[in-house]
Amino acid sequence: MRTGGSALIEATCNQVNQHGGYTGQTPEAFRAYVAEIAGTVGLSMDRVILGGDHLGPFPWRRDRTAEEAMQAAAVLVREYVRAGFDKIHLDASMPLRGDSASPSDVASLAAERAAWLARVAEQAALEVGAPSLPRYVIGTEVPQPGGTDSNSQGLRITPAAEVRATIEQTRQAFAVQGISSAWERVFAVVVQPGVEFGDAGMHVYDPHKARELTRFILEFPALVYEAHSTDFQTRASLRQMVRDHFAILKVGPALTFAFREMAFALSAMEAELLRGRRQAERSHLVEVLEAAMLRSPEHWQGHYTGPPEEQAFARKYSLSDRARYYWGDKDVQGALDLLIRNLRSTPLPLSLVSQFAPCHYARIRDGVLENSPIALLLDGVESVLLDYEYACQL
């Protein structure tokens, strides 16, 4: 908000859908949720861009036939557009029950399904009299919605020939659906530029390895690349990606990781401040979060492997940050609220801030950051966002 730019906020098909997704929110409810937060911080919704990520049949790929999954995907896309989302990533790349397409036909089938969903989106926008028609992102060369569950060493950068096929097949499919005019609003292609992260490490962007993609996109002046999983890249790498036409940089777990990191730091400060005070009630935030994750393991089981001690470490410190699914838990929220109450009555001792949050300590000393738990939590997240702002201000 302080930069004067716009906020691009996206929801994924398994997070927010007509059945509520794992957040329990429909697209309309999610928009209202974002609007409420924007109003609280004084950000006009005119400066908020809502996007739908991986919109397609993914949530229904296993338990429904291909036709049923695509009908559910149509409802999904329709509800996103009717709720005012105007950046729509069409992703029908996953195999569905009953598909018999050979590997060589998979890309063509994905393009046909994506174009059909685009026609649904166009109709929905006209039905509600949307102030602007949807803008589209096509292609998928990223992990399934929800993130990677692998720390594999190899990472396949999308060959330019495959990007060309995606563009041409999808353009033809739009024409077959009678929505060639909508193709003019396709502005980005999702590719894998060689960035990814797992529990303990990440693949760092290498412009040399991505140079084929960098040169290829110049053939399509109306298109840029969208890069997913750019979390934990350096600000210099992010800026180089933008120079190389990866102009849309997606980030998620790095933000929640930064929030978790600062919450843990505040919890450590609380433990030091309240040590020996028998009447004081500590939040025990770290322990409460762990208990919530063990009580409802569906969001991390299958993602964290290895012996129990390695899984326990990952639940706290994994870069993939499956802990992000638990901040809405009632007990975790209660512990976080108590932590903030315990620390906000007086300014935090600078020695503790320096010990557990040294970078933010420097900002407090420079007079640019308030010495309060809320300000520290927000600054942890903003420090990540500032890297993206730097990258995009070319």
Protein backbone atom coordinates (compact mmCIF):
# COMPACT_ATOMS: atom_id res chain seq x y z
CA MET A 1 0.00 0.00 0.00
CA ARG A 2 2.86 2.37 0.77
CA THR A 3 4.35 1.86 -2.69
CA GLY A 4 1.23 3.01 -4.53
CA GLY A 5 1.09 -0.20 -6.55
CA SER A 6 -1.61 -2.81 -6.86
CA ALA A 7 -1.96 -6.04 -4.91
CA LEU A 8 -2.34 -9.23 -6.94
CA ILE A 9 -3.97 -11.85 -4.73
CA GLU A 10 -4.73 -15.30 -6.07
CA ALA A 11 -6.69 -18.29 -4.89
CA THR A 12 -6.07 -21.83 -6.13
CA CYS A 13 -8.74 -24.31 -7.20
CA ASN A 14 -8.25 -26.54 -4.16
CA GLN A 15 -8.15 -23.61 -1.74
CA VAL A 16 -11.30 -21.82 -2.91
CA ASN A 17 -14.03 -23.42 -4.97
CA GLN A 18 -17.80 -23.93 -5.16
CA HIS A 19 -17.56 -26.49 -2.34
CA GLY A 20 -15.44 -24.24 -0.13
CA GLY A 21 -12.06 -25.87 -0.75
CA TYR A 22 -9.77 -26.39 2.20
CA THR A 23 -10.26 -22.77 3.31
CA GLY A 24 -14.03 -23.25 3.50
CA GLN A 25 -14.51 -20.28 1.15
CA THR A 26 -16.31 -19.95 -2.16
CA PRO A 27 -14.93 -17.42 -4.66
CA GLU A 28 -17.53 -14.85 -3.56
CA ALA A 29 -16.66 -15.39 0.11
CA PHE A 30 -12.95 -15.08 -0.66
CA ARG A 31 -13.52 -11.79 -2.46
CA ALA A 32 -15.48 -10.48 0.54
CA TYR A 33 -12.68 -11.64 2.85
CA VAL A 34 -10.06 -9.78 0.80
CA ALA A 35 -12.29 -6.69 0.62
CA GLU A 36 -12.68 -6.70 4.40
CA ILE A 37 -8.92 -6.80 4.93
CA ALA A 38 -8.35 -4.15 2.26
CA GLY A 39 -10.85 -1.89 3.99
CA THR A 40 -9.14 -2.39 7.32
CA VAL A 41 -5.77 -1.26 5.98
CA GLY A 42 -7.18 1.48 3.76
CA LEU A 43 -6.47 -0.16 0.40
CA SER A 44 -9.05 0.54 -2.28
CA MET A 45 -10.35 -2.55 -4.07
CA ASP A 46 -9.60 -0.65 -7.28
CA ARG A 47 -5.97 -1.48 -6.50
CA VAL A 48 -6.62 -5.17 -5.85
CA ILE A 49 -6.39 -7.67 -8.70
CA LEU A 50 -7.98 -11.03 -7.94
CA GLY A 51 -6.68 -14.08 -9.75
CA GLY A 52 -7.75 -17.70 -9.99
CA ASP A 53 -4.85 -20.17 -10.14
CA HIS A 54 -4.93 -23.62 -11.79
CA LEU A 55 -8.64 -23.28 -12.53
CA GLY A 56 -9.73 -26.56 -14.01
CA PRO A 57 -10.70 -30.11 -13.08
CA PHE A 58 -7.84 -30.80 -10.64
CA PRO A 59 -9.96 -31.16 -7.45
CA TRP A 60 -12.20 -33.77 -9.12
CA ARG A 61 -9.64 -35.67 -11.19
CA ARG A 62 -9.75 -38.87 -9.13
CA ASP A 63 -13.32 -39.34 -7.96
CA ARG A 64 -15.26 -38.24 -11.07
CA THR A 65 -15.30 -39.15 -14.73
CA ALA A 66 -13.66 -36.79 -17.18
CA GLU A 67 -17.03 -35.33 -18.21
CA GLU A 68 -18.13 -34.86 -14.59
CA ALA A 69 -14.81 -33.29 -13.62
CA MET A 70 -15.00 -30.83 -16.50
CA GLN A 71 -18.58 -29.89 -15.62
CA ALA A 72 -17.42 -29.19 -12.06
CA ALA A 73 -14.52 -27.16 -13.48
CA ALA A 74 -17.01 -25.12 -15.50
CA VAL A 75 -18.94 -24.27 -12.34
CA LEU A 76 -15.63 -23.35 -10.68
CA VAL A 77 -14.59 -20.99 -13.47
CA ARG A 78 -18.07 -19.47 -13.69
CA GLU A 79 -18.13 -18.70 -9.96
CA TYR A 80 -14.66 -17.15 -10.03
CA VAL A 81 -15.59 -14.83 -12.89
CA ARG A 82 -18.97 -13.93 -11.40
CA ALA A 83 -17.20 -13.05 -8.12
CA GLY A 84 -15.01 -10.51 -9.90
CA PHE A 85 -11.79 -12.43 -10.48
CA ASP A 86 -10.40 -11.20 -13.78
CA LYS A 87 -6.99 -12.93 -13.98
CA ILE A 88 -7.82 -16.50 -14.85
CA HIS A 89 -5.21 -19.25 -15.15
CA LEU A 90 -6.77 -22.05 -17.19
CA ASP A 91 -5.24 -25.41 -16.33
CA ALA A 92 -6.78 -28.59 -17.70
CA SER A 93 -3.47 -30.39 -18.10
CA MET A 94 -4.04 -33.25 -15.66
CA PRO A 95 -5.29 -36.68 -16.81
CA LEU A 96 -8.88 -37.47 -15.84
CA ARG A 97 -10.70 -40.75 -15.23
CA GLY A 98 -11.51 -42.44 -18.51
CA ASP A 99 -9.03 -40.47 -20.59
CA SER A 100 -7.60 -42.59 -23.37
CA ALA A 101 -5.47 -39.99 -25.10
CA SER A 102 -1.97 -41.06 -26.06
CA PRO A 103 0.92 -39.03 -24.63
CA SER A 104 1.24 -37.19 -27.95
CA ASP A 105 -2.41 -36.07 -27.74
CA VAL A 106 -2.37 -34.93 -24.09
CA ALA A 107 -1.29 -31.37 -24.87
CA SER A 108 -3.96 -31.01 -27.57
CA LEU A 109 -6.66 -32.32 -25.23
CA ALA A 110 -5.52 -29.93 -22.47
CA ALA A 111 -5.73 -27.02 -24.92
CA GLU A 112 -9.25 -28.04 -26.01
CA ARG A 113 -10.44 -28.24 -22.43
CA ALA A 114 -8.81 -24.95 -21.49
CA ALA A 115 -10.50 -23.21 -24.42
CA TRP A 116 -13.87 -24.66 -23.44
CA LEU A 117 -13.40 -23.28 -19.93
CA ALA A 118 -12.45 -19.92 -21.44
CA ARG A 119 -15.78 -19.88 -23.29
CA VAL A 120 -17.53 -20.56 -19.98
CA ALA A 121 -15.61 -17.63 -18.43
CA GLU A 122 -16.55 -15.33 -21.31
CA GLN A 123 -20.23 -16.18 -20.95
CA ALA A 124 -20.13 -15.67 -17.19
CA ALA A 125 -18.55 -12.24 -17.57
CA LEU A 126 -21.25 -11.17 -20.02
CA GLU A 127 -24.04 -12.53 -17.79
CA VAL A 128 -22.98 -10.38 -14.82
CA GLY A 129 -22.04 -7.35 -16.89
CA ALA A 130 -18.45 -7.43 -15.67
CA PRO A 131 -16.71 -4.06 -16.11
CA SER A 132 -13.92 -5.84 -17.98
CA LEU A 133 -13.61 -9.22 -19.64
CA PRO A 134 -11.27 -11.84 -18.14
CA ARG A 135 -7.56 -11.93 -18.87
CA TYR A 136 -6.07 -15.36 -19.28
CA VAL A 137 -2.94 -17.28 -18.39
CA ILE A 138 -2.39 -20.60 -20.14
CA GLY A 139 -0.02 -23.53 -19.73
CA THR A 140 1.29 -25.43 -16.76
CA GLU A 141 4.82 -26.60 -16.04
CA VAL A 142 4.69 -26.53 -12.27
CA PRO A 143 3.85 -28.85 -9.37
CA GLN A 144 0.22 -29.66 -8.74
CA PRO A 145 -1.80 -27.14 -6.71
CA GLY A 146 -0.64 -27.30 -3.10
CA GLY A 147 3.05 -27.41 -3.92
CA THR A 148 5.82 -29.88 -4.47
CA ASP A 149 6.24 -32.93 -2.27
CA SER A 150 9.68 -33.75 -3.58
CA ASN A 151 13.25 -32.64 -3.01
CA SER A 152 14.45 -34.22 -6.25
CA GLN A 153 17.73 -32.97 -7.63
CA GLY A 154 16.64 -32.81 -11.25
CA LEU A 155 14.46 -30.02 -12.58
CA ARG A 156 13.32 -29.91 -16.18
CA ILE A 157 13.18 -26.46 -17.76
CA THR A 158 10.37 -26.20 -20.30
CA PRO A 159 11.71 -26.55 -23.85
CA ALA A 160 10.76 -23.68 -26.15
CA ALA A 161 9.24 -26.16 -28.62
CA GLU A 162 6.70 -27.21 -25.99
CA VAL A 163 5.81 -23.60 -25.24
CA ARG A 164 5.25 -23.00 -28.93
CA ALA A 165 2.97 -26.03 -29.12
CA THR A 166 1.00 -24.85 -26.08
CA ILE A 167 0.51 -21.39 -27.59
CA GLU A 168 -0.46 -22.60 -31.05
CA GLN A 169 -2.75 -25.42 -29.90
CA THR A 170 -4.53 -23.19 -27.41
CA ARG A 171 -4.97 -20.40 -29.96
CA GLN A 172 -6.51 -22.86 -32.40
CA ALA A 173 -8.76 -24.27 -29.68
CA PHE A 174 -10.00 -20.76 -28.84
CA ALA A 175 -10.90 -20.31 -32.51
CA VAL A 176 -12.78 -23.63 -32.57
CA GLN A 177 -14.78 -22.47 -29.54
CA GLY A 178 -15.66 -19.25 -31.37
CA ILE A 179 -13.81 -17.00 -28.92
CA SER A 180 -10.88 -15.77 -31.00
CA SER A 181 -11.45 -12.30 -29.55
CA ALA A 182 -10.70 -13.71 -26.10
CA TRP A 183 -7.30 -14.86 -27.34
CA GLU A 184 -6.31 -11.20 -27.47
CA ARG A 185 -6.60 -11.22 -23.67
CA VAL A 186 -4.26 -14.18 -23.19
CA PHE A 187 -1.19 -12.42 -21.82
CA ALA A 188 0.96 -15.03 -20.07
CA VAL A 189 2.19 -18.60 -20.35
CA VAL A 190 3.18 -20.70 -17.36
CA VAL A 191 6.55 -22.40 -17.81
CA GLN A 192 9.19 -23.97 -15.61
CA PRO A 193 12.22 -21.64 -15.71
CA GLY A 194 14.28 -23.80 -13.36
CA VAL A 195 13.10 -22.58 -9.95
CA GLU A 196 11.57 -24.73 -7.24
CA PHE A 197 11.92 -25.42 -3.54
CA GLY A 198 11.43 -28.35 -1.22
CA ASP A 199 11.69 -28.97 2.51
CA ALA A 200 15.28 -27.89 2.98
CA GLY A 201 16.55 -26.28 -0.21
CA MET A 202 15.73 -24.64 -3.50
CA HIS A 203 16.74 -24.59 -7.14
CA VAL A 204 18.22 -21.15 -7.80
CA TYR A 205 17.41 -19.40 -11.07
CA ASP A 206 20.15 -19.81 -13.67
CA PRO A 207 19.68 -17.36 -16.56
CA HIS A 208 22.13 -19.32 -18.72
CA LYS A 209 19.97 -22.46 -18.55
CA ALA A 210 16.82 -20.45 -19.27
CA ARG A 211 18.22 -18.49 -22.21
CA GLU A 212 16.27 -20.50 -24.81
CA LEU A 213 13.01 -19.48 -23.14
CA THR A 214 14.22 -15.89 -22.80
CA ARG A 215 14.85 -15.61 -26.52
CA PHE A 216 11.81 -17.55 -27.64
CA ILE A 217 9.14 -15.35 -26.03
CA LEU A 218 10.35 -12.37 -28.10
CA GLU A 219 8.45 -13.95 -31.01
CA PHE A 220 5.20 -13.15 -29.15
CA PRO A 221 5.26 -9.47 -28.12
CA ALA A 222 1.84 -9.72 -26.42
CA LEU A 223 2.95 -12.53 -24.08
CA VAL A 224 5.12 -12.85 -21.00
CA TYR A 225 5.94 -15.80 -18.80
CA GLU A 226 4.36 -16.57 -15.45
CA ALA A 227 6.74 -18.31 -13.04
CA HIS A 228 5.38 -20.28 -10.10
CA SER A 229 7.29 -21.36 -6.99
CA THR A 230 9.69 -18.39 -7.04
CA ASP A 231 9.74 -18.46 -3.22
CA PHE A 232 13.14 -18.10 -1.53
CA GLN A 233 14.95 -16.80 -4.61
CA THR A 234 17.30 -13.89 -3.94
CA ARG A 235 16.16 -10.42 -4.91
CA ALA A 236 18.91 -10.34 -7.53
CA SER A 237 17.62 -13.60 -9.05
CA LEU A 238 14.06 -12.30 -9.03
CA ARG A 239 15.13 -9.15 -10.82
CA GLN A 240 17.00 -11.16 -13.44
CA MET A 241 13.90 -13.28 -13.99
CA VAL A 242 11.88 -10.16 -14.73
CA ARG A 243 14.58 -9.00 -17.15
CA ASP A 244 14.27 -12.38 -18.85
CA HIS A 245 10.51 -11.90 -19.37
CA PHE A 246 9.31 -13.95 -16.40
CA ALA A 247 7.24 -10.91 -15.59
CA ILE A 248 4.69 -12.54 -13.26
CA LEU A 249 6.35 -13.99 -10.18
CA LYS A 250 4.20 -16.16 -7.92
CA VAL A 251 5.02 -16.36 -4.21
CA GLY A 252 3.18 -17.96 -1.29
CA PRO A 253 5.00 -20.21 1.18
CA ALA A 254 7.88 -17.73 1.48
CA LEU A 255 5.39 -15.24 2.92
CA THR A 256 3.86 -17.66 5.39
CA PHE A 257 7.34 -18.97 6.26
CA ALA A 258 8.36 -15.40 7.14
CA PHE A 259 5.24 -15.01 9.28
CA ARG A 260 5.93 -18.32 11.05
CA GLU A 261 9.58 -17.37 11.53
CA MET A 262 8.67 -14.09 13.22
CA ALA A 263 5.92 -15.72 15.31
CA PHE A 264 8.49 -18.23 16.59
CA ALA A 265 10.93 -15.41 17.32
CA LEU A 266 8.28 -13.57 19.32
CA SER A 267 7.48 -16.79 21.16
CA ALA A 268 11.15 -17.09 22.13
CA MET A 269 11.11 -13.48 23.40
CA GLU A 270 7.98 -14.24 25.40
CA ALA A 271 9.64 -17.24 27.03
CA GLU A 272 12.57 -15.09 28.15
CA LEU A 273 10.40 -12.24 29.40
CA LEU A 274 8.01 -14.44 31.38
CA ARG A 275 10.58 -16.91 32.69
CA GLY A 276 10.13 -17.31 36.44
CA ARG A 277 6.89 -15.32 36.60
CA ARG A 278 4.55 -17.83 38.15
CA GLN A 279 1.40 -15.78 37.60
CA ALA A 280 2.08 -15.18 33.93
CA GLU A 281 0.34 -17.33 31.33
CA ARG A 282 2.56 -18.13 28.38
CA SER A 283 1.12 -18.76 24.93
CA HIS A 284 3.25 -21.84 24.19
CA LEU A 285 2.59 -21.01 20.54
CA VAL A 286 5.13 -23.43 19.10
CA GLU A 287 3.75 -26.34 21.10
CA VAL A 288 0.13 -25.45 20.33
CA LEU A 289 0.89 -25.30 16.60
CA GLU A 290 2.61 -28.69 16.75
CA ALA A 291 -0.37 -30.19 18.58
CA ALA A 292 -2.75 -28.85 15.92
CA MET A 293 -0.63 -30.36 13.14
CA LEU A 294 -0.55 -33.74 14.87
CA ARG A 295 -4.27 -33.61 15.56
CA SER A 296 -5.11 -32.96 11.89
CA PRO A 297 -2.20 -34.32 9.84
CA GLU A 298 -3.89 -34.32 6.43
CA HIS A 299 -2.14 -31.10 5.32
CA TRP A 300 1.41 -32.36 5.91
CA GLN A 301 1.30 -36.15 5.85
CA GLY A 302 2.53 -37.36 2.50
CA HIS A 303 4.59 -34.19 2.08
CA TYR A 304 7.03 -34.77 4.95
CA THR A 305 8.81 -38.11 4.89
CA GLY A 306 11.59 -39.82 6.81
CA PRO A 307 11.80 -40.90 10.45
CA PRO A 308 9.61 -39.21 13.09
CA GLU A 309 12.30 -36.77 14.19
CA GLU A 310 12.78 -35.52 10.61
CA GLN A 311 9.05 -35.08 10.18
CA ALA A 312 8.87 -33.16 13.46
CA PHE A 313 11.65 -30.85 12.27
CA ALA A 314 9.91 -30.33 8.93
CA ARG A 315 6.61 -29.45 10.60
CA LYS A 316 8.37 -26.51 12.22
CA TYR A 317 11.01 -25.43 9.75
CA SER A 318 10.32 -26.81 6.26
CA LEU A 319 10.57 -24.25 3.47
CA SER A 320 7.41 -25.73 1.99
CA ASP A 321 5.74 -24.54 5.20
CA ARG A 322 2.79 -26.86 5.61
CA ALA A 323 2.23 -25.08 8.94
CA ARG A 324 0.52 -22.39 6.88
CA TYR A 325 -2.63 -24.51 6.83
CA TYR A 326 -3.02 -24.31 10.61
CA TRP A 327 -3.00 -20.62 11.49
CA GLY A 328 -6.78 -20.57 11.24
CA ASP A 329 -7.11 -23.35 13.85
CA LYS A 330 -9.00 -22.11 16.91
CA ASP A 331 -6.32 -23.17 19.40
CA VAL A 332 -3.50 -21.74 17.30
CA GLN A 333 -5.37 -18.46 16.91
CA GLY A 334 -5.89 -18.33 20.67
CA ALA A 335 -2.20 -18.92 21.32
CA LEU A 336 -1.20 -16.24 18.81
CA ASP A 337 -3.61 -13.74 20.37
CA LEU A 338 -2.22 -14.46 23.85
CA LEU A 339 1.35 -14.09 22.57
CA ILE A 340 0.55 -10.66 21.15
CA ARG A 341 -1.21 -9.56 24.36
CA ASN A 342 1.75 -10.67 26.45
CA LEU A 343 4.21 -8.67 24.36
CA ARG A 344 2.34 -5.50 23.47
CA SER A 345 1.95 -3.92 26.93
CA THR A 346 5.45 -2.40 26.84
CA PRO A 347 8.08 -1.99 24.12
CA LEU A 348 10.10 -5.15 23.67
CA PRO A 349 13.62 -5.01 25.12
CA LEU A 350 15.91 -4.13 22.25
CA SER A 351 18.40 -6.74 23.39
CA LEU A 352 15.77 -9.45 22.85
CA VAL A 353 14.78 -8.07 19.45
CA SER A 354 18.44 -8.00 18.47
CA GLN A 355 18.88 -11.59 19.65
CA PHE A 356 15.89 -13.12 17.88
CA ALA A 357 15.15 -10.68 15.01
CA PRO A 358 18.39 -8.82 14.25
CA CYS A 359 17.40 -7.47 10.84
CA HIS A 360 14.21 -6.00 12.24
CA TYR A 361 16.13 -4.66 15.25
CA ALA A 362 18.14 -2.53 12.85
CA ARG A 363 14.93 -1.10 11.39
CA ILE A 364 13.63 -0.26 14.86
CA ARG A 365 16.90 1.49 15.70
CA ASP A 366 16.67 3.44 12.43
CA GLY A 367 13.19 4.65 13.44
CA VAL A 368 11.38 3.09 10.47
CA LEU A 369 9.71 0.24 12.36
CA GLU A 370 7.52 0.39 15.45
CA ASN A 371 8.66 -1.74 18.38
CA SER A 372 5.58 -3.92 18.76
CA PRO A 373 4.72 -7.57 18.07
CA ILE A 374 2.17 -6.74 15.36
CA ALA A 375 4.63 -4.46 13.56
CA LEU A 376 7.30 -7.15 13.70
CA LEU A 377 4.98 -9.81 12.29
CA LEU A 378 3.96 -7.56 9.41
CA ASP A 379 7.54 -6.49 8.77
CA GLY A 380 8.60 -10.12 8.46
CA VAL A 381 6.15 -10.61 5.62
CA GLU A 382 6.83 -7.21 4.05
CA SER A 383 10.55 -7.93 3.90
CA VAL A 384 9.77 -10.71 1.40
CA LEU A 385 7.37 -8.56 -0.60
CA LEU A 386 9.98 -5.82 -0.89
CA ASP A 387 12.24 -8.23 -2.76
CA TYR A 388 9.49 -8.68 -5.34
CA GLU A 389 8.88 -4.95 -5.54
CA TYR A 390 12.58 -4.45 -6.22
CA ALA A 391 12.50 -7.15 -8.90
CA CYS A 392 9.56 -5.62 -10.74
CA GLN A 393 10.71 -2.00 -10.67
CA LEU A 394 12.88 -2.16 -13.77
